[in-house]
N, C-alpha and C. Protein backbone atom coordinates (compact mmCIF):
# COMPACT_ATOMS: atom_id res chain seq x y z
N UNK A 1 0.84 -1.19 0.00
CA UNK A 1 0.00 0.00 0.00
C UNK A 1 0.88 1.24 0.00
N UNK A 2 0.63 2.15 -0.89
CA UNK A 2 1.36 3.40 -0.95
C UNK A 2 0.66 4.44 -0.07
N UNK A 3 1.44 5.16 0.72
CA UNK A 3 0.86 6.14 1.63
C UNK A 3 0.93 7.56 1.09
N UNK A 4 1.49 7.73 -0.10
CA UNK A 4 1.75 9.05 -0.65
C UNK A 4 0.58 10.02 -0.61
N UNK A 5 -0.59 9.60 -0.97
CA UNK A 5 -1.75 10.50 -1.03
C UNK A 5 -2.72 10.28 0.12
N UNK A 6 -2.37 9.40 1.04
CA UNK A 6 -3.30 9.06 2.12
C UNK A 6 -2.94 9.70 3.46
N UNK A 7 -1.68 10.11 3.62
CA UNK A 7 -1.28 10.68 4.90
C UNK A 7 -0.48 11.96 4.68
N UNK A 8 -0.38 12.74 5.74
CA UNK A 8 0.55 13.85 5.79
C UNK A 8 1.39 13.59 7.04
N UNK A 9 2.69 13.43 6.85
CA UNK A 9 3.57 13.12 7.97
C UNK A 9 4.43 14.33 8.30
N UNK A 10 4.56 14.60 9.59
CA UNK A 10 5.41 15.67 10.08
C UNK A 10 6.43 15.03 11.00
N UNK A 11 7.67 14.91 10.54
CA UNK A 11 8.71 14.25 11.32
C UNK A 11 9.91 15.17 11.41
N UNK A 12 10.27 15.51 12.63
CA UNK A 12 11.37 16.45 12.87
C UNK A 12 11.99 16.18 14.22
N UNK A 13 13.12 16.84 14.44
CA UNK A 13 13.71 16.86 15.77
C UNK A 13 12.92 17.88 16.59
N UNK A 14 13.05 17.83 17.90
CA UNK A 14 12.20 18.63 18.78
C UNK A 14 12.23 20.14 18.47
N UNK A 15 13.40 20.79 18.28
CA UNK A 15 13.36 22.24 18.02
C UNK A 15 12.60 22.60 16.75
N UNK A 16 12.77 21.83 15.68
CA UNK A 16 12.05 22.10 14.43
C UNK A 16 10.56 21.82 14.59
N UNK A 17 10.23 20.81 15.37
CA UNK A 17 8.83 20.48 15.61
C UNK A 17 8.16 21.62 16.38
N UNK A 18 8.87 22.19 17.34
CA UNK A 18 8.32 23.32 18.10
C UNK A 18 8.04 24.49 17.17
N UNK A 19 8.95 24.75 16.23
CA UNK A 19 8.76 25.84 15.28
C UNK A 19 7.56 25.55 14.38
N UNK A 20 7.49 24.34 13.84
CA UNK A 20 6.41 23.99 12.92
C UNK A 20 5.06 24.03 13.61
N UNK A 21 4.99 23.51 14.81
CA UNK A 21 3.71 23.46 15.51
C UNK A 21 3.39 24.77 16.22
N UNK A 22 4.40 25.56 16.52
CA UNK A 22 4.17 26.83 17.18
C UNK A 22 3.38 27.79 16.32
N UNK A 23 3.49 27.65 15.00
CA UNK A 23 2.75 28.52 14.08
C UNK A 23 1.27 28.16 14.04
N UNK A 24 0.91 27.02 14.61
CA UNK A 24 -0.49 26.55 14.55
C UNK A 24 -1.18 26.62 15.90
N UNK A 25 -0.77 27.53 16.77
CA UNK A 25 -1.33 27.57 18.12
C UNK A 25 -2.77 28.05 18.15
N UNK A 26 -3.30 28.56 17.06
CA UNK A 26 -4.69 29.01 17.04
C UNK A 26 -5.67 27.86 16.94
N UNK A 27 -5.17 26.66 16.72
CA UNK A 27 -6.03 25.49 16.57
C UNK A 27 -6.00 24.66 17.84
N UNK A 28 -7.13 24.50 18.53
CA UNK A 28 -7.16 23.75 19.79
C UNK A 28 -6.71 22.30 19.63
N UNK A 29 -6.99 21.68 18.49
CA UNK A 29 -6.59 20.28 18.28
C UNK A 29 -5.07 20.15 18.26
N UNK A 30 -4.38 21.14 17.71
CA UNK A 30 -2.91 21.11 17.66
C UNK A 30 -2.34 21.33 19.06
N UNK A 31 -2.98 22.16 19.86
CA UNK A 31 -2.50 22.42 21.22
C UNK A 31 -2.48 21.15 22.06
N UNK A 32 -3.38 20.21 21.78
CA UNK A 32 -3.39 18.94 22.51
C UNK A 32 -2.17 18.09 22.19
N UNK A 33 -1.55 18.29 21.03
CA UNK A 33 -0.37 17.52 20.64
C UNK A 33 0.92 18.07 21.22
N UNK A 34 0.92 19.33 21.63
CA UNK A 34 2.16 19.99 22.08
C UNK A 34 2.89 19.25 23.20
N UNK A 35 2.24 18.68 24.21
CA UNK A 35 2.99 17.97 25.26
C UNK A 35 3.68 16.70 24.77
N UNK A 36 3.32 16.19 23.60
CA UNK A 36 3.88 14.93 23.10
C UNK A 36 5.14 15.12 22.26
N UNK A 37 5.63 16.36 22.14
CA UNK A 37 6.86 16.60 21.38
C UNK A 37 8.05 16.29 22.27
N UNK A 38 8.68 15.19 22.08
CA UNK A 38 9.82 14.80 22.92
C UNK A 38 10.84 14.08 22.05
N UNK A 39 12.07 14.57 21.97
CA UNK A 39 13.11 13.93 21.17
C UNK A 39 12.78 13.99 19.69
N UNK A 40 13.18 12.96 18.97
CA UNK A 40 12.83 12.84 17.55
C UNK A 40 11.43 12.24 17.48
N UNK A 41 10.51 12.97 16.88
CA UNK A 41 9.11 12.55 16.93
C UNK A 41 8.48 12.75 15.56
N UNK A 42 7.44 11.98 15.29
CA UNK A 42 6.70 12.15 14.06
C UNK A 42 5.21 12.08 14.32
N UNK A 43 4.46 12.91 13.63
CA UNK A 43 3.01 12.89 13.69
C UNK A 43 2.49 12.54 12.30
N UNK A 44 1.48 11.69 12.24
CA UNK A 44 0.87 11.30 10.98
C UNK A 44 -0.59 11.73 11.02
N UNK A 45 -1.00 12.51 10.02
CA UNK A 45 -2.37 12.99 9.93
C UNK A 45 -3.03 12.31 8.73
N UNK A 46 -4.25 11.80 8.94
CA UNK A 46 -4.95 11.10 7.86
C UNK A 46 -6.45 11.11 8.09
N UNK A 47 -7.19 10.90 7.01
CA UNK A 47 -8.63 10.68 7.09
C UNK A 47 -8.97 9.24 6.75
N UNK A 48 -7.96 8.43 6.52
CA UNK A 48 -8.14 7.03 6.12
C UNK A 48 -8.29 6.14 7.36
N UNK A 49 -8.38 4.83 7.14
CA UNK A 49 -8.50 3.84 8.20
C UNK A 49 -7.19 3.79 9.00
N UNK A 50 -7.26 4.10 10.30
CA UNK A 50 -6.05 4.19 11.12
C UNK A 50 -5.33 2.85 11.29
N UNK A 51 -6.07 1.76 11.38
CA UNK A 51 -5.41 0.45 11.55
C UNK A 51 -4.61 0.10 10.31
N UNK A 52 -5.14 0.37 9.15
CA UNK A 52 -4.43 0.07 7.91
C UNK A 52 -3.17 0.93 7.78
N UNK A 53 -3.28 2.21 8.12
CA UNK A 53 -2.13 3.11 8.07
C UNK A 53 -1.07 2.67 9.08
N UNK A 54 -1.48 2.35 10.30
CA UNK A 54 -0.54 1.90 11.33
C UNK A 54 0.19 0.63 10.91
N UNK A 55 -0.55 -0.34 10.38
CA UNK A 55 0.06 -1.60 9.95
C UNK A 55 1.06 -1.37 8.82
N UNK A 56 0.75 -0.48 7.90
CA UNK A 56 1.67 -0.18 6.80
C UNK A 56 2.92 0.50 7.33
N UNK A 57 2.76 1.45 8.24
CA UNK A 57 3.93 2.13 8.81
C UNK A 57 4.81 1.17 9.60
N UNK A 58 4.19 0.30 10.39
CA UNK A 58 4.98 -0.66 11.17
C UNK A 58 5.67 -1.67 10.25
N UNK A 59 5.08 -1.98 9.11
CA UNK A 59 5.70 -2.88 8.15
C UNK A 59 6.93 -2.28 7.49
N UNK A 60 7.01 -0.95 7.46
CA UNK A 60 8.16 -0.26 6.86
C UNK A 60 9.26 0.04 7.87
N UNK A 61 9.02 -0.25 9.12
CA UNK A 61 9.96 0.09 10.19
C UNK A 61 11.23 -0.76 10.06
N UNK A 62 12.39 -0.10 10.14
CA UNK A 62 13.68 -0.80 10.09
C UNK A 62 14.54 -0.37 11.27
N UNK A 63 15.50 -1.19 11.60
CA UNK A 63 16.43 -0.87 12.68
C UNK A 63 17.34 0.27 12.24
N UNK A 64 17.47 1.29 13.05
CA UNK A 64 18.35 2.41 12.73
C UNK A 64 19.79 2.01 13.02
N UNK A 65 20.66 2.22 12.04
CA UNK A 65 22.06 1.83 12.23
C UNK A 65 22.93 3.01 12.64
N UNK A 66 22.36 4.20 12.71
CA UNK A 66 23.14 5.38 13.05
C UNK A 66 23.01 5.67 14.54
N UNK A 67 24.10 5.46 15.25
CA UNK A 67 24.18 5.80 16.66
C UNK A 67 25.65 5.91 17.03
N UNK A 68 25.94 6.43 18.19
CA UNK A 68 27.33 6.60 18.62
C UNK A 68 28.04 5.25 18.63
N UNK A 69 29.19 5.19 17.99
CA UNK A 69 29.96 3.96 17.96
C UNK A 69 29.57 2.99 16.87
N UNK A 70 28.63 3.36 16.00
CA UNK A 70 28.19 2.46 14.93
C UNK A 70 29.30 2.28 13.90
N UNK A 71 29.38 1.10 13.32
CA UNK A 71 30.38 0.80 12.30
C UNK A 71 29.67 0.65 10.97
N UNK A 72 30.17 1.34 9.96
CA UNK A 72 29.56 1.29 8.64
C UNK A 72 29.75 -0.09 8.01
N UNK A 73 28.73 -0.61 7.30
CA UNK A 73 28.85 -1.93 6.69
C UNK A 73 29.69 -1.93 5.41
N UNK A 74 30.14 -0.77 4.95
CA UNK A 74 30.98 -0.72 3.75
C UNK A 74 32.06 0.34 3.94
N UNK A 75 33.05 0.34 3.07
CA UNK A 75 34.14 1.30 3.19
C UNK A 75 33.66 2.69 2.78
N UNK A 76 34.03 3.70 3.57
CA UNK A 76 33.66 5.08 3.29
C UNK A 76 34.94 5.86 3.02
N UNK A 77 35.00 6.58 1.89
CA UNK A 77 36.18 7.35 1.53
C UNK A 77 35.78 8.82 1.40
N UNK A 78 36.51 9.69 2.10
CA UNK A 78 36.31 11.14 1.97
C UNK A 78 37.54 11.67 1.24
N UNK A 79 37.39 12.12 -0.02
CA UNK A 79 38.55 12.57 -0.79
C UNK A 79 39.02 13.95 -0.34
N UNK A 80 40.29 14.24 -0.59
CA UNK A 80 40.84 15.57 -0.31
C UNK A 80 40.25 16.53 -1.33
N UNK A 81 39.65 17.63 -0.87
CA UNK A 81 39.05 18.61 -1.77
C UNK A 81 38.67 19.86 -1.01
N UNK A 82 38.24 20.88 -1.73
CA UNK A 82 37.79 22.13 -1.12
C UNK A 82 36.27 22.13 -1.07
N UNK A 83 35.72 22.45 0.09
CA UNK A 83 34.27 22.52 0.29
C UNK A 83 33.86 23.97 0.47
N UNK A 84 32.73 24.33 -0.07
CA UNK A 84 32.17 25.67 0.13
C UNK A 84 30.85 25.50 0.83
N UNK A 85 30.68 26.21 1.95
CA UNK A 85 29.41 26.13 2.67
C UNK A 85 29.05 27.50 3.18
N UNK A 86 27.79 27.67 3.60
CA UNK A 86 27.26 28.98 3.96
C UNK A 86 27.89 29.65 5.15
N UNK A 87 28.67 28.95 5.94
CA UNK A 87 29.29 29.57 7.10
C UNK A 87 28.34 29.76 8.27
N UNK A 88 27.03 29.57 8.05
CA UNK A 88 26.08 29.73 9.14
C UNK A 88 26.11 28.52 10.07
N UNK A 89 26.61 27.40 9.56
CA UNK A 89 26.73 26.19 10.38
C UNK A 89 28.20 25.85 10.54
N UNK A 90 28.60 25.39 11.72
CA UNK A 90 29.99 24.99 11.89
C UNK A 90 30.29 23.70 11.14
N UNK A 91 31.51 23.56 10.69
CA UNK A 91 31.95 22.34 10.03
C UNK A 91 32.63 21.47 11.08
N UNK A 92 32.08 20.31 11.35
CA UNK A 92 32.62 19.43 12.38
C UNK A 92 33.48 18.36 11.73
N UNK A 93 34.74 18.68 11.48
CA UNK A 93 35.62 17.73 10.83
C UNK A 93 36.47 16.95 11.84
N UNK A 94 36.66 17.48 13.02
CA UNK A 94 37.51 16.80 14.01
C UNK A 94 36.98 15.45 14.46
N UNK A 95 35.67 15.32 14.76
CA UNK A 95 35.20 13.99 15.18
C UNK A 95 35.39 12.92 14.10
N UNK A 96 35.46 13.34 12.85
CA UNK A 96 35.65 12.40 11.75
C UNK A 96 37.12 12.11 11.48
N UNK A 97 38.01 12.83 12.14
CA UNK A 97 39.44 12.61 11.93
C UNK A 97 39.95 13.23 10.64
N UNK A 98 39.28 14.26 10.14
CA UNK A 98 39.69 14.91 8.90
C UNK A 98 40.66 16.04 9.22
N UNK A 99 41.77 16.09 8.49
CA UNK A 99 42.69 17.21 8.60
C UNK A 99 42.18 18.29 7.66
N UNK A 100 41.83 19.45 8.20
CA UNK A 100 41.23 20.48 7.35
C UNK A 100 41.75 21.86 7.70
N UNK A 101 41.62 22.76 6.73
CA UNK A 101 41.97 24.17 6.91
C UNK A 101 40.72 24.96 6.57
N UNK A 102 40.24 25.79 7.51
CA UNK A 102 38.98 26.50 7.34
C UNK A 102 39.24 28.00 7.25
N UNK A 103 38.65 28.65 6.24
CA UNK A 103 38.77 30.11 6.14
C UNK A 103 37.64 30.67 5.29
N UNK A 104 36.97 31.68 5.77
CA UNK A 104 35.94 32.47 5.07
C UNK A 104 34.97 31.66 4.22
N UNK A 105 34.23 30.78 4.84
CA UNK A 105 33.19 30.05 4.13
C UNK A 105 33.67 28.88 3.29
N UNK A 106 34.95 28.56 3.35
CA UNK A 106 35.44 27.37 2.65
C UNK A 106 36.24 26.51 3.62
N UNK A 107 36.24 25.25 3.36
CA UNK A 107 37.05 24.31 4.15
C UNK A 107 37.80 23.43 3.17
N UNK A 108 39.06 23.27 3.41
CA UNK A 108 39.87 22.43 2.54
C UNK A 108 40.24 21.17 3.30
N UNK A 109 39.81 20.02 2.81
CA UNK A 109 40.20 18.74 3.40
C UNK A 109 41.57 18.42 2.82
N UNK A 110 42.58 18.39 3.68
CA UNK A 110 43.96 18.31 3.22
C UNK A 110 44.38 16.91 2.78
N UNK A 111 43.82 15.87 3.37
CA UNK A 111 44.21 14.52 2.96
C UNK A 111 42.99 13.61 2.97
N UNK A 112 42.98 12.67 2.03
CA UNK A 112 41.86 11.72 1.93
C UNK A 112 41.85 10.79 3.13
N UNK A 113 40.66 10.41 3.56
CA UNK A 113 40.50 9.52 4.72
C UNK A 113 39.56 8.40 4.32
N UNK A 114 39.85 7.19 4.76
CA UNK A 114 38.92 6.08 4.52
C UNK A 114 38.72 5.33 5.82
N UNK A 115 37.50 4.81 6.00
CA UNK A 115 37.17 4.03 7.19
C UNK A 115 36.80 2.64 6.79
């Protein structure tokens, strides 16, 4: 069963969820959902049969492999190159073990790394 036209899903981390739902405070039904925003959360809105939607969503559920200390199932290579980014977000290259030089909105990865 395809859910594309049957549901509207809102899935975000807590700060983004607060922003998205904060704009809808004029609706009493949305205010009832506000206490349930905790951690990474998703809300599914539908007019269809809830049991069918729930069963389909649970059938698509997979184990998340991304967590602290997780090991990738394949080799990952980060080539040496120059990156350009908006500068509004910090570039976190140290936890990945990348040797980099950062200046004015660009970051240069000095040597290729593989895991």
